[in-house]
Protein backbone atom coordinates (compact mmCIF):
# COMPACT_ATOMS: atom_id res chain seq x y z
CA UNK A 1 -16.09 -10.76 29.67
CA UNK A 2 -18.91 -8.61 28.29
CA UNK A 3 -16.52 -5.66 27.99
CA UNK A 4 -13.99 -7.78 26.08
CA UNK A 5 -16.72 -9.02 23.72
CA UNK A 6 -17.89 -5.45 23.11
CA UNK A 7 -14.29 -4.45 22.37
CA UNK A 8 -13.94 -7.26 19.84
CA UNK A 9 -17.22 -6.24 18.22
CA UNK A 10 -16.00 -2.64 18.01
CA UNK A 11 -12.82 -3.91 16.32
CA UNK A 12 -14.74 -6.07 13.82
CA UNK A 13 -17.33 -3.44 12.99
CA UNK A 14 -14.60 -0.83 12.90
CA UNK A 15 -12.66 -2.88 10.34
CA UNK A 16 -15.80 -3.35 8.23
CA UNK A 17 -16.69 0.33 8.43
CA UNK A 18 -13.09 1.26 7.56
CA UNK A 19 -13.40 -0.51 4.23
CA UNK A 20 -16.99 0.63 3.66
CA UNK A 21 -15.86 4.21 4.32
CA UNK A 22 -12.82 3.72 2.11
CA UNK A 23 -14.93 2.21 -0.69
CA UNK A 24 -17.54 4.99 -0.55
CA UNK A 25 -14.93 7.71 -0.26
CA UNK A 26 -12.92 6.27 -3.15
CA UNK A 27 -15.96 5.85 -5.42
CA UNK A 28 -17.17 9.38 -4.70
CA UNK A 29 -13.66 10.76 -5.11
CA UNK A 30 -13.17 8.91 -8.40
CA UNK A 31 -16.29 10.69 -9.66
CA UNK A 32 -15.27 13.96 -8.02
CA UNK A 33 -11.75 14.20 -9.48
CA UNK A 34 -12.64 14.24 -13.21
CA UNK A 35 -15.49 16.67 -12.53
CA UNK A 36 -13.02 18.86 -10.65
CA UNK A 37 -10.41 18.63 -13.42
CA UNK A 38 -12.97 19.40 -16.15
CA UNK A 39 -14.62 22.30 -14.34
CA UNK A 40 -11.47 23.89 -12.94
CA UNK A 41 -9.20 23.26 -15.92
CA UNK A 42 -5.61 22.08 -15.77
CA UNK A 43 -4.27 25.43 -14.54
CA UNK A 44 -6.56 25.89 -11.51
CA UNK A 45 -6.51 22.16 -10.72
CA UNK A 46 -2.71 22.26 -10.77
CA UNK A 47 -2.61 25.28 -8.44
CA UNK A 48 -4.98 23.55 -6.01
CA UNK A 49 -2.73 20.49 -5.94
CA UNK A 50 0.37 22.63 -5.40
CA UNK A 51 -1.18 24.29 -2.34
CA UNK A 52 -2.25 21.02 -0.69
CA UNK A 53 1.28 19.69 0.04
CA UNK A 54 2.25 23.04 1.59
CA UNK A 55 -0.73 22.76 3.95
CA UNK A 56 0.34 19.18 4.67
CA UNK A 57 3.73 20.50 5.77
CA UNK A 58 2.03 22.94 8.16
CA UNK A 59 0.02 20.07 9.63
CA UNK A 60 3.33 18.46 10.56
CA UNK A 61 3.68 21.04 13.33
CA UNK A 62 1.80 18.61 15.57
CA UNK A 63 5.34 17.18 16.05
CA UNK A 64 3.98 13.64 16.08
CA UNK A 65 2.50 14.23 19.53
CA UNK A 66 -0.50 12.07 18.64
CA UNK A 67 1.72 9.01 19.13
CA UNK A 68 2.73 10.26 22.56
CA UNK A 69 -0.93 10.80 23.47
CA UNK A 70 -1.72 7.19 22.53
CA UNK A 71 1.25 5.84 24.47
CA UNK A 72 0.80 7.80 27.69
CA UNK A 73 -3.00 7.72 27.77
CA UNK A 74 -2.83 3.92 27.41
CA UNK A 75 -0.63 3.79 30.52
CA UNK A 76 -2.94 6.03 32.55
CA UNK A 77 -5.97 4.09 31.40
CA UNK A 78 -4.40 0.74 32.29
CA UNK A 79 -3.67 2.10 35.78
CA UNK A 80 -7.21 3.59 36.02
CA UNK A 81 -5.58 6.95 36.76
CA UNK A 82 -8.41 9.36 35.88
CA UNK A 83 -6.51 12.35 37.25
CA UNK A 84 -3.57 11.53 34.98
CA UNK A 85 -5.91 11.19 31.99
CA UNK A 86 -7.54 14.56 32.77
CA UNK A 87 -4.17 16.26 33.08
CA UNK A 88 -2.97 14.74 29.81
CA UNK A 89 -6.12 15.86 27.97
CA UNK A 90 -5.77 19.40 29.29
CA UNK A 91 -2.10 19.53 28.31
CA UNK A 92 -2.78 18.35 24.79
CA UNK A 93 -5.71 20.69 24.21
CA UNK A 94 -3.65 23.66 25.42
CA UNK A 95 -0.65 22.63 23.32
CA UNK A 96 -2.69 22.00 20.19
CA UNK A 97 -4.55 25.30 20.47
CA UNK A 98 -1.20 27.12 20.63
CA UNK A 99 0.12 25.08 17.70
CA UNK A 100 -3.05 25.88 15.75
CA UNK A 101 -2.40 29.60 16.18
CA UNK A 102 1.20 29.12 15.00
CA UNK A 103 -0.01 27.16 11.95
CA UNK A 104 -2.43 29.95 11.07
CA UNK A 105 0.30 32.58 11.36
CA UNK A 106 2.73 30.59 9.20
CA UNK A 107 0.03 29.89 6.62
CA UNK A 108 -0.75 33.58 6.30
CA UNK A 109 2.96 34.42 5.94
CA UNK A 110 3.32 31.81 3.18
CA UNK A 111 0.20 33.05 1.40
CA UNK A 112 1.68 36.55 1.12
CA UNK A 113 4.91 35.10 -0.26
CA UNK A 114 3.38 32.83 -2.90
CA UNK A 115 5.89 33.63 -5.69
CA UNK A 116 8.79 32.47 -3.53
CA UNK A 117 7.03 29.28 -2.38
CA UNK A 118 5.44 28.10 -5.64
CA UNK A 119 8.07 29.22 -8.15
CA UNK A 120 8.14 31.47 -11.21
CA UNK A 121 6.50 29.03 -13.63
CA UNK A 122 3.07 30.11 -12.33
CA UNK A 123 1.26 33.06 -13.88
CA UNK A 124 0.12 36.12 -11.89
CA UNK A 125 -3.47 34.83 -11.78
CA UNK A 126 -2.30 31.39 -10.62
CA UNK A 127 -0.22 32.95 -7.83
CA UNK A 128 -3.18 35.12 -6.75
CA UNK A 129 -5.39 32.02 -6.54
CA UNK A 130 -2.71 30.12 -4.59
CA UNK A 131 -2.64 32.98 -2.06
CA UNK A 132 -6.42 32.86 -1.51
CA UNK A 133 -6.51 29.06 -1.21
CA UNK A 134 -3.64 29.15 1.31
CA UNK A 135 -5.50 31.59 3.55
CA UNK A 136 -8.67 29.48 3.83
CA UNK A 137 -6.80 26.18 4.14
CA UNK A 138 -4.60 27.69 6.87
CA UNK A 139 -7.71 28.44 8.93
CA UNK A 140 -8.87 24.87 8.28
CA UNK A 141 -5.56 23.44 9.50
CA UNK A 142 -5.54 25.67 12.58
CA UNK A 143 -9.03 24.55 13.64
CA UNK A 144 -8.20 20.90 12.97
CA UNK A 145 -5.35 20.92 15.51
CA UNK A 146 -7.40 21.07 18.77
CA UNK A 147 -10.12 18.91 17.16
CA UNK A 148 -7.54 16.14 16.66
CA UNK A 149 -7.27 15.70 20.45
CA UNK A 150 -10.92 14.67 20.59
CA UNK A 151 -10.46 12.38 17.57
CA UNK A 152 -7.51 10.73 19.33
CA UNK A 153 -9.58 10.31 22.48
CA UNK A 154 -12.28 8.46 20.55
CA UNK A 155 -9.64 6.24 18.93
CA UNK A 156 -7.77 5.39 22.16
CA UNK A 157 -11.09 4.33 23.73
CA UNK A 158 -11.54 2.02 20.72
CA UNK A 159 -14.92 3.45 19.71
CA UNK A 160 -14.26 2.48 16.13
CA UNK A 161 -17.88 2.50 14.96
CA UNK A 162 -18.38 6.19 15.81
CA UNK A 163 -14.89 7.05 14.59
CA UNK A 164 -15.41 5.45 11.20
CA UNK A 165 -18.92 6.87 10.78
CA UNK A 166 -17.57 10.39 11.27
CA UNK A 167 -14.68 9.64 8.91
CA UNK A 168 -17.25 8.43 6.39
CA UNK A 169 -19.17 11.70 6.70
CA UNK A 170 -15.95 13.67 6.11
CA UNK A 171 -14.83 11.65 3.10
CA UNK A 172 -18.24 11.38 1.39
CA UNK A 173 -20.20 14.52 2.36
CA UNK A 174 -17.67 17.04 1.07
CA UNK A 175 -17.46 15.78 -2.55
CA UNK A 176 -21.19 14.91 -2.70
CA UNK A 177 -22.03 18.54 -1.97
CA UNK A 178 -19.23 19.94 -4.09
CA UNK A 179 -19.91 18.00 -7.32
CA UNK A 180 -23.20 19.81 -8.14
CA UNK A 181 -21.66 23.12 -7.04
CA UNK A 182 -18.79 22.62 -9.50
CA UNK A 183 -21.24 21.71 -12.26
CA UNK A 184 -23.21 24.94 -11.80
CA UNK A 185 -20.06 27.06 -11.84
CA UNK A 186 -18.47 27.28 -8.38
CA UNK A 187 -14.69 26.84 -8.27
CA UNK A 188 -11.74 25.99 -6.02
CA UNK A 189 -12.42 28.71 -3.42
CA UNK A 190 -15.81 27.14 -2.74
CA UNK A 191 -14.09 23.76 -2.39
CA UNK A 192 -11.77 24.94 0.38
CA UNK A 193 -14.53 26.86 2.19
CA UNK A 194 -16.72 23.73 2.15
CA UNK A 195 -13.77 21.71 3.47
CA UNK A 196 -13.49 24.17 6.36
CA UNK A 197 -17.20 23.78 7.18
CA UNK A 198 -16.93 19.96 7.12
CA UNK A 199 -13.94 20.16 9.51
CA UNK A 200 -16.03 22.25 11.92
CA UNK A 201 -18.99 19.84 11.66
CA UNK A 202 -16.92 16.69 12.27
CA UNK A 203 -15.12 18.45 15.11
CA UNK A 204 -18.41 19.33 16.78
CA UNK A 205 -19.54 15.68 16.53
CA UNK A 206 -16.30 14.44 18.11
CA UNK A 207 -16.44 17.01 20.93
CA UNK A 208 -20.07 16.12 21.70
CA UNK A 209 -19.29 12.38 21.72
CA UNK A 210 -16.26 12.78 23.97
CA UNK A 211 -18.14 14.74 26.61
CA UNK A 212 -21.57 13.08 26.44
CA UNK A 213 -20.62 9.45 25.76
CA UNK A 214 -17.04 9.03 26.97
CA UNK A 215 -17.14 11.50 29.89
CA UNK A 216 -13.76 12.81 28.75
CA UNK A 217 -11.91 14.21 31.78
CA UNK A 218 -10.02 17.49 31.32
CA UNK A 219 -7.85 19.43 33.75
CA UNK A 220 -6.35 22.71 32.49
CA UNK A 221 -4.92 23.76 35.87
CA UNK A 222 -1.73 21.72 36.08
CA UNK A 223 0.44 21.74 32.96
CA UNK A 224 3.10 19.08 33.59
CA UNK A 225 6.20 20.49 31.87
CA UNK A 226 8.48 17.54 32.83
CA UNK A 227 5.94 15.14 31.28
CA UNK A 228 5.73 17.29 28.15
CA UNK A 229 9.53 17.20 27.86
CA UNK A 230 9.47 13.40 28.08
CA UNK A 231 6.75 13.23 25.44
CA UNK A 232 8.64 15.58 23.14
CA UNK A 233 11.72 13.41 23.53
CA UNK A 234 9.62 10.38 22.59
CA UNK A 235 8.01 12.12 19.62
CA UNK A 236 11.07 13.91 18.27
CA UNK A 237 11.96 11.03 15.97
CA UNK A 238 8.29 10.29 15.26
CA UNK A 239 8.11 13.89 14.06
CA UNK A 240 11.23 13.54 11.90
CA UNK A 241 9.79 10.36 10.39
CA UNK A 242 6.45 12.01 9.61
CA UNK A 243 8.12 15.11 8.14
CA UNK A 244 10.43 13.23 5.81
CA UNK A 245 7.69 10.76 4.83
CA UNK A 246 5.42 13.65 3.90
CA UNK A 247 8.27 15.35 2.08
CA UNK A 248 9.14 12.14 0.25
CA UNK A 249 5.61 11.72 -1.16
CA UNK A 250 5.10 15.39 -2.09
CA UNK A 251 8.51 16.49 -3.36
CA UNK A 252 7.72 15.17 -6.84
CA UNK A 253 4.80 17.59 -7.21
CA UNK A 254 6.87 20.55 -6.06
CA UNK A 255 9.77 19.65 -8.39
CA UNK A 256 7.37 19.34 -11.32
CA UNK A 257 5.75 22.67 -10.44
CA UNK A 258 9.11 24.42 -10.27
CA UNK A 259 10.59 22.76 -13.38
CA UNK A 260 7.64 22.21 -15.73
CA UNK A 261 4.54 24.10 -14.51
CA UNK A 262 0.96 23.16 -13.61
CA UNK A 263 0.21 20.82 -16.54
CA UNK A 264 3.02 18.44 -15.50
CA UNK A 265 1.72 18.59 -11.92
CA UNK A 266 -1.80 17.68 -13.09
CA UNK A 267 -0.58 14.63 -15.04
CA UNK A 268 1.43 13.42 -12.05
CA UNK A 269 -1.35 14.13 -9.54
CA UNK A 270 -3.74 11.82 -11.39
CA UNK A 271 -1.33 8.95 -10.67
CA UNK A 272 -0.39 10.01 -7.13
CA UNK A 273 -4.07 10.39 -6.22
CA UNK A 274 -4.69 6.77 -7.19
CA UNK A 275 -1.62 5.76 -5.18
CA UNK A 276 -3.12 7.53 -2.18
CA UNK A 277 -6.27 5.41 -2.52
CA UNK A 278 -4.06 2.34 -2.85
CA UNK A 279 -2.13 3.13 0.32
CA UNK A 280 -5.42 3.72 2.15
CA UNK A 281 -6.29 0.04 1.67
CA UNK A 282 -3.51 -0.84 4.11
CA UNK A 283 -3.89 2.01 6.59
CA UNK A 284 -7.67 1.49 6.88
CA UNK A 285 -7.06 -1.81 8.67
CA UNK A 286 -3.70 -1.22 10.39
CA UNK A 287 -4.95 2.05 11.87
CA UNK A 288 -7.53 0.36 14.07
CA UNK A 289 -4.83 -1.97 15.46
CA UNK A 290 -2.85 0.92 16.99
CA UNK A 291 -4.37 0.67 20.51
CA UNK A 292 -4.01 -3.13 20.46
CA UNK A 293 -0.32 -2.95 19.53
CA UNK A 294 0.42 -0.46 22.30
CA UNK A 295 -1.53 -2.58 24.77
CA UNK A 296 0.37 -5.75 23.78
CA UNK A 297 3.71 -4.04 24.30
CA UNK A 298 2.60 -2.37 27.56
CA UNK A 299 1.41 -5.69 29.01
CA UNK A 300 4.61 -7.53 28.04
CA UNK A 301 3.36 -9.75 25.23
CA UNK A 302 6.18 -11.83 23.73
CA UNK A 303 7.96 -10.88 20.50
CA UNK A 304 6.64 -14.14 19.08
CA UNK A 305 3.01 -13.08 19.58
CA UNK A 306 3.68 -9.62 18.18
CA UNK A 307 5.39 -11.22 15.16
CA UNK A 308 2.33 -13.37 14.56
CA UNK A 309 0.10 -10.28 14.57
CA UNK A 310 2.56 -8.60 12.19
CA UNK A 311 2.50 -11.54 9.76
CA UNK A 312 -1.25 -12.16 10.03
CA UNK A 313 -2.01 -8.51 9.27
CA UNK A 314 0.54 -8.45 6.46
CA UNK A 315 -1.06 -11.45 4.75
CA UNK A 316 -4.55 -9.94 4.91
CA UNK A 317 -3.27 -6.66 3.49
CA UNK A 318 -1.27 -8.46 0.79
CA UNK A 319 -4.34 -10.33 -0.46
CA UNK A 320 -6.28 -7.14 -1.00
CA UNK A 321 -3.41 -5.02 -2.29
CA UNK A 322 -2.13 -7.63 -4.74
CA UNK A 323 -5.63 -7.97 -6.20
CA UNK A 324 -5.91 -4.20 -6.69
CA UNK A 325 -2.37 -3.93 -8.07
CA UNK A 326 -2.88 -6.66 -10.68
CA UNK A 327 -6.37 -5.37 -11.43
CA UNK A 328 -4.85 -1.99 -12.18
CA UNK A 329 -2.30 -3.67 -14.46
CA UNK A 330 -5.26 -5.14 -16.34
CA UNK A 331 -7.58 -2.14 -16.76
CA UNK A 332 -5.65 0.80 -15.31
CA UNK A 333 -4.57 2.41 -18.59
CA UNK A 334 -8.03 2.89 -20.12
CA UNK A 335 -9.44 3.80 -16.71
CA UNK A 336 -6.95 6.59 -15.97
CA UNK A 337 -7.30 8.01 -19.50
CA UNK A 338 -11.12 8.05 -19.22
CA UNK A 339 -10.93 9.37 -15.66
CA UNK A 340 -8.64 12.23 -16.70
CA UNK A 341 -10.81 13.38 -19.59
CA UNK A 342 -10.05 11.00 -22.43
CA UNK A 343 -6.79 12.55 -23.72
CA UNK A 344 -4.90 9.32 -24.50
CA UNK A 345 -1.72 11.04 -25.69
CA UNK A 346 -1.40 13.10 -22.51
CA UNK A 347 -2.60 10.81 -19.70
CA UNK A 348 -1.27 7.38 -20.77
CA UNK A 349 1.94 8.25 -18.93
CA UNK A 350 -0.12 8.64 -15.72
CA UNK A 351 -0.79 4.88 -15.91
CA UNK A 352 2.91 4.03 -15.87
CA UNK A 353 3.59 6.58 -13.12
CA UNK A 354 0.81 5.01 -11.04
CA UNK A 355 2.20 1.48 -11.55
CA UNK A 356 5.64 2.60 -10.36
CA UNK A 357 4.15 4.37 -7.33
CA UNK A 358 1.98 1.32 -6.52
CA UNK A 359 5.07 -0.90 -6.64
CA UNK A 360 6.97 1.44 -4.30
CA UNK A 361 4.01 1.44 -1.88
CA UNK A 362 3.19 -2.28 -1.77
CA UNK A 363 5.76 -3.71 0.65
CA UNK A 364 5.86 -0.79 3.13
CA UNK A 365 2.05 -0.85 3.15
CA UNK A 366 1.70 -4.52 4.10
CA UNK A 367 4.20 -3.89 6.94
CA UNK A 368 2.36 -0.81 8.20
CA UNK A 369 1.69 -2.31 11.64
CA UNK A 370 5.46 -2.40 12.15
CA UNK A 371 5.46 1.40 12.48
CA UNK A 372 3.22 1.24 15.56
CA UNK A 373 5.22 -1.67 16.98
CA UNK A 374 8.34 0.52 16.80
CA UNK A 375 6.57 3.42 18.49
CA UNK A 376 5.07 1.22 21.18
CA UNK A 377 8.58 -0.10 21.96
CA UNK A 378 10.05 3.42 21.74
CA UNK A 379 12.44 2.19 19.02
CA UNK A 380 11.41 4.42 16.14
CA UNK A 381 14.58 6.54 15.94
CA UNK A 382 16.22 4.38 13.26
CA UNK A 383 13.16 4.48 11.01
CA UNK A 384 13.13 8.26 11.12
CA UNK A 385 16.81 8.42 10.16
CA UNK A 386 16.24 5.92 7.34
CA UNK A 387 13.31 7.94 6.03
CA UNK A 388 15.47 11.07 6.15
CA UNK A 389 18.03 9.26 4.00
CA UNK A 390 15.24 8.11 1.67
CA UNK A 391 13.98 11.69 1.25
CA UNK A 392 17.47 13.01 0.48
CA UNK A 393 18.10 10.18 -1.97
CA UNK A 394 14.72 10.82 -3.57
CA UNK A 395 15.59 14.46 -4.26
CA UNK A 396 19.06 13.57 -5.61
CA UNK A 397 17.64 10.87 -7.89
CA UNK A 398 14.42 12.61 -8.87
CA UNK A 399 15.88 16.00 -9.80
CA UNK A 400 17.79 14.91 -12.94
CA UNK A 401 15.14 12.30 -13.79
CA UNK A 402 12.37 14.92 -13.47
CA UNK A 403 14.27 17.35 -15.70
CA UNK A 404 14.60 14.69 -18.38
CA UNK A 405 11.42 12.59 -18.01
CA UNK A 406 9.02 14.83 -16.03
CA UNK A 407 6.54 12.82 -13.89
CA UNK A 408 7.79 9.41 -15.02
CA UNK A 409 11.32 10.26 -13.91
CA UNK A 410 10.06 11.59 -10.57
CA UNK A 411 8.22 8.31 -9.87
CA UNK A 412 11.31 6.23 -10.76
CA UNK A 413 13.40 8.24 -8.28
CA UNK A 414 10.74 7.65 -5.61
CA UNK A 415 10.65 3.91 -6.31
CA UNK A 416 14.42 3.37 -6.07
CA UNK A 417 14.90 5.37 -2.88
CA UNK A 418 11.82 3.85 -1.23
CA UNK A 419 12.82 0.27 -2.03
CA UNK A 420 16.32 0.64 -0.61
CA UNK A 421 15.25 2.48 2.54
CA UNK A 422 11.69 1.48 3.40
CA UNK A 423 12.08 -2.15 2.33
CA UNK A 424 15.66 -3.42 2.54
CA UNK A 425 16.98 -1.40 5.48
CA UNK A 426 13.76 -1.47 7.48
CA UNK A 427 13.38 -5.25 7.20
CA UNK A 428 16.92 -5.70 8.52
CA UNK A 429 16.07 -3.39 11.42
CA UNK A 430 12.78 -5.15 12.15
CA UNK A 431 14.65 -8.44 12.39
CA UNK A 432 17.83 -7.39 14.19
CA UNK A 433 16.54 -4.79 16.65
CA UNK A 434 12.74 -4.93 16.92
CA UNK A 435 12.97 -8.74 17.14
CA UNK A 436 10.18 -9.37 14.67
CA UNK A 437 10.37 -12.71 12.92
CA UNK A 438 10.96 -11.33 9.42
CA UNK A 439 11.89 -14.71 7.87
CA UNK A 440 8.54 -16.04 9.12
CA UNK A 441 6.76 -12.95 7.73
CA UNK A 442 8.20 -13.43 4.24
CA UNK A 443 7.66 -17.17 4.39
CA UNK A 444 3.97 -16.49 5.05
CA UNK A 445 3.79 -13.97 2.20
CA UNK A 446 5.66 -16.30 -0.19
CA UNK A 447 3.05 -19.03 0.37
CA UNK A 448 0.59 -16.82 -1.54
CA UNK A 449 2.80 -16.07 -4.55
CA UNK A 450 1.83 -19.21 -6.47
CA UNK A 451 -1.78 -18.02 -6.37
CA UNK A 452 -0.78 -14.88 -8.28
CA UNK A 453 0.71 -16.59 -11.33
CA UNK A 454 -2.50 -17.11 -13.31
CA UNK A 455 -3.99 -13.71 -12.29
CA UNK A 456 -0.74 -11.99 -13.38
CA UNK A 457 -0.86 -13.66 -16.79
CA UNK A 458 -4.55 -12.77 -17.11
CA UNK A 459 -3.87 -9.13 -16.16
CA UNK A 460 -1.14 -8.79 -18.80
CA UNK A 461 -3.32 -10.41 -21.47
CA UNK A 462 -6.25 -8.11 -20.66
CA UNK A 463 -3.98 -5.05 -20.72
CA UNK A 464 -2.50 -6.12 -24.06
CA UNK A 465 -5.49 -7.40 -26.02
CA UNK A 466 -8.70 -6.02 -24.49
CA UNK A 467 -9.78 -2.89 -26.36
CA UNK A 468 -11.49 -0.90 -23.63
CA UNK A 469 -12.96 2.47 -24.55
CA UNK A 470 -15.61 3.07 -21.87
CA UNK A 471 -16.19 2.77 -18.13
CA UNK A 472 -18.49 -0.16 -18.84
CA UNK A 473 -15.58 -1.94 -20.48
CA UNK A 474 -13.39 -1.19 -17.46
CA UNK A 475 -16.04 -2.67 -15.15
CA UNK A 476 -16.59 -5.80 -17.29
CA UNK A 477 -12.91 -6.61 -17.76
CA UNK A 478 -12.13 -5.64 -14.16
CA UNK A 479 -14.85 -8.02 -12.94
CA UNK A 480 -13.48 -10.75 -15.22
CA UNK A 481 -10.06 -10.31 -13.63
CA UNK A 482 -11.52 -10.47 -10.10
CA UNK A 483 -13.34 -13.70 -11.00
CA UNK A 484 -9.97 -15.14 -11.98
CA UNK A 485 -8.14 -13.78 -8.93
CA UNK A 486 -10.54 -14.89 -6.18
CA UNK A 487 -10.63 -18.67 -6.81
CA UNK A 488 -6.86 -18.76 -7.34
CA UNK A 489 -6.24 -16.95 -4.06
CA UNK A 490 -8.87 -19.04 -2.23
CA UNK A 491 -7.51 -22.40 -3.42
CA UNK A 492 -3.79 -21.68 -3.54
CA UNK A 493 -3.11 -18.69 -1.28
CA UNK A 494 -5.42 -18.27 1.70
CA UNK A 495 -5.04 -20.25 4.93
CA UNK A 496 -7.84 -21.58 7.13
CA UNK A 497 -7.86 -18.50 9.38
CA UNK A 498 -8.34 -16.17 6.41
CA UNK A 499 -11.01 -18.37 4.86
CA UNK A 500 -12.75 -18.42 8.22
CA UNK A 501 -12.88 -14.63 8.31
CA UNK A 502 -14.60 -14.63 4.93
CA UNK A 503 -17.08 -17.41 5.70
CA UNK A 504 -18.01 -15.98 9.10
CA UNK A 505 -18.65 -12.59 7.50
CA UNK A 506 -20.85 -14.19 4.81
CA UNK A 507 -22.82 -16.16 7.41
CA UNK A 508 -23.77 -12.94 9.19
CA UNK A 509 -25.62 -11.81 6.07
CA UNK A 510 -27.36 -15.13 5.42
CA UNK A 511 -30.81 -15.79 6.96
CA UNK A 512 -30.63 -17.97 10.06
CA UNK A 513 -32.17 -21.42 9.89
CA UNK A 514 -35.22 -21.91 12.03
């Protein structure tokens, strides 16, 4: 009983820390990005953001094995098979060290072929910088591979407090150190070197915690090749899904770099960076539910109970994400222009790109838990094939739209392909094959729509008539919108369970009566 209570406390504190970490990281990053853009200039900033998606592709060489680790370790842990857990840990560390070496080799090969990878629109100095950044970031990616095994071990043992504290250090420490360095004249090479040092620091913390606190068992002597083959079979479609998802969200940058150069990339990146923060609102909460979902499936929980978790999580995510979406409608245009340096004529389009990307993200984000439900049931093949179709459709649609409308066209192509694949087709699959109660899910979401009517009208009126020319104006009008949104959602949208979560959290901060 005490262990179950401690687990629940870890989950609650983990959820709180997820959003605290997200809030701190976002605030610091929002300060960091304009400093970075101003100090680096559009050219160097654009090069930096062209290199990042290439490194992201190299990180995909983990083949989605993290999902297999979660699945199989959960089984060994449920059976109290310490020998099996030790063997699995040894296998994964060995595999990830080998993969890290491969990533480093590929990164170095790419760095020496920068003109072919990044296109001919870049100048000689931009290509030389891209080469240097690739080398350092390749070392970073290679080191991160074996470290990820220890991070997964912390997560599977549901030590969310430690996990989120380390994540907070990673997301906040790097920019806090880098901002003054940029101001005094350091540039993008210093940024990637600092990122490498932070990776080493967080890795050391995870390794220490795993051995000293979790007594992580490791056995390097018996590499179970049949088990690895089974895991690779399980992760093959996880890997395809991750690859095409990564490709789908980064192809726009690469198309813009090839077709229009670094300035077009910079304008688009301002919007896509905000979309990344927006998506993080959903993944911050759904990520800590991964072990619970796998445990529910492993112990034979009914589809009805899993559907309730799916809907309950979706509603909570929808409340937060709809507030941010409509808030961005209200004050997003002046914010993104101020944030990008104040050039209204150039960065206004980033606002519309961001709105389109937000819209394409919203529904898949509130159904994020469904991804882990598929993996836990070993029914993720269809999703991977759908995402492959989405990526192909995105390229076909985005290419002519990007040629004609630059970043705005690229975002429209992403929206159309994502809506058809990630929303329409995936909801049919959830209902028909995964046996999730999708009609119930959408019925629960629809109950909250009436609460959005007045906030939507208010957001449009603020966007149209409020003349905002400073960050103070953004804060004041943003706060005014929130004060309209909250009572409408409380009175017309939230159910008793959701209100109870809020009131219980508030009570914890109030002084206890004597």
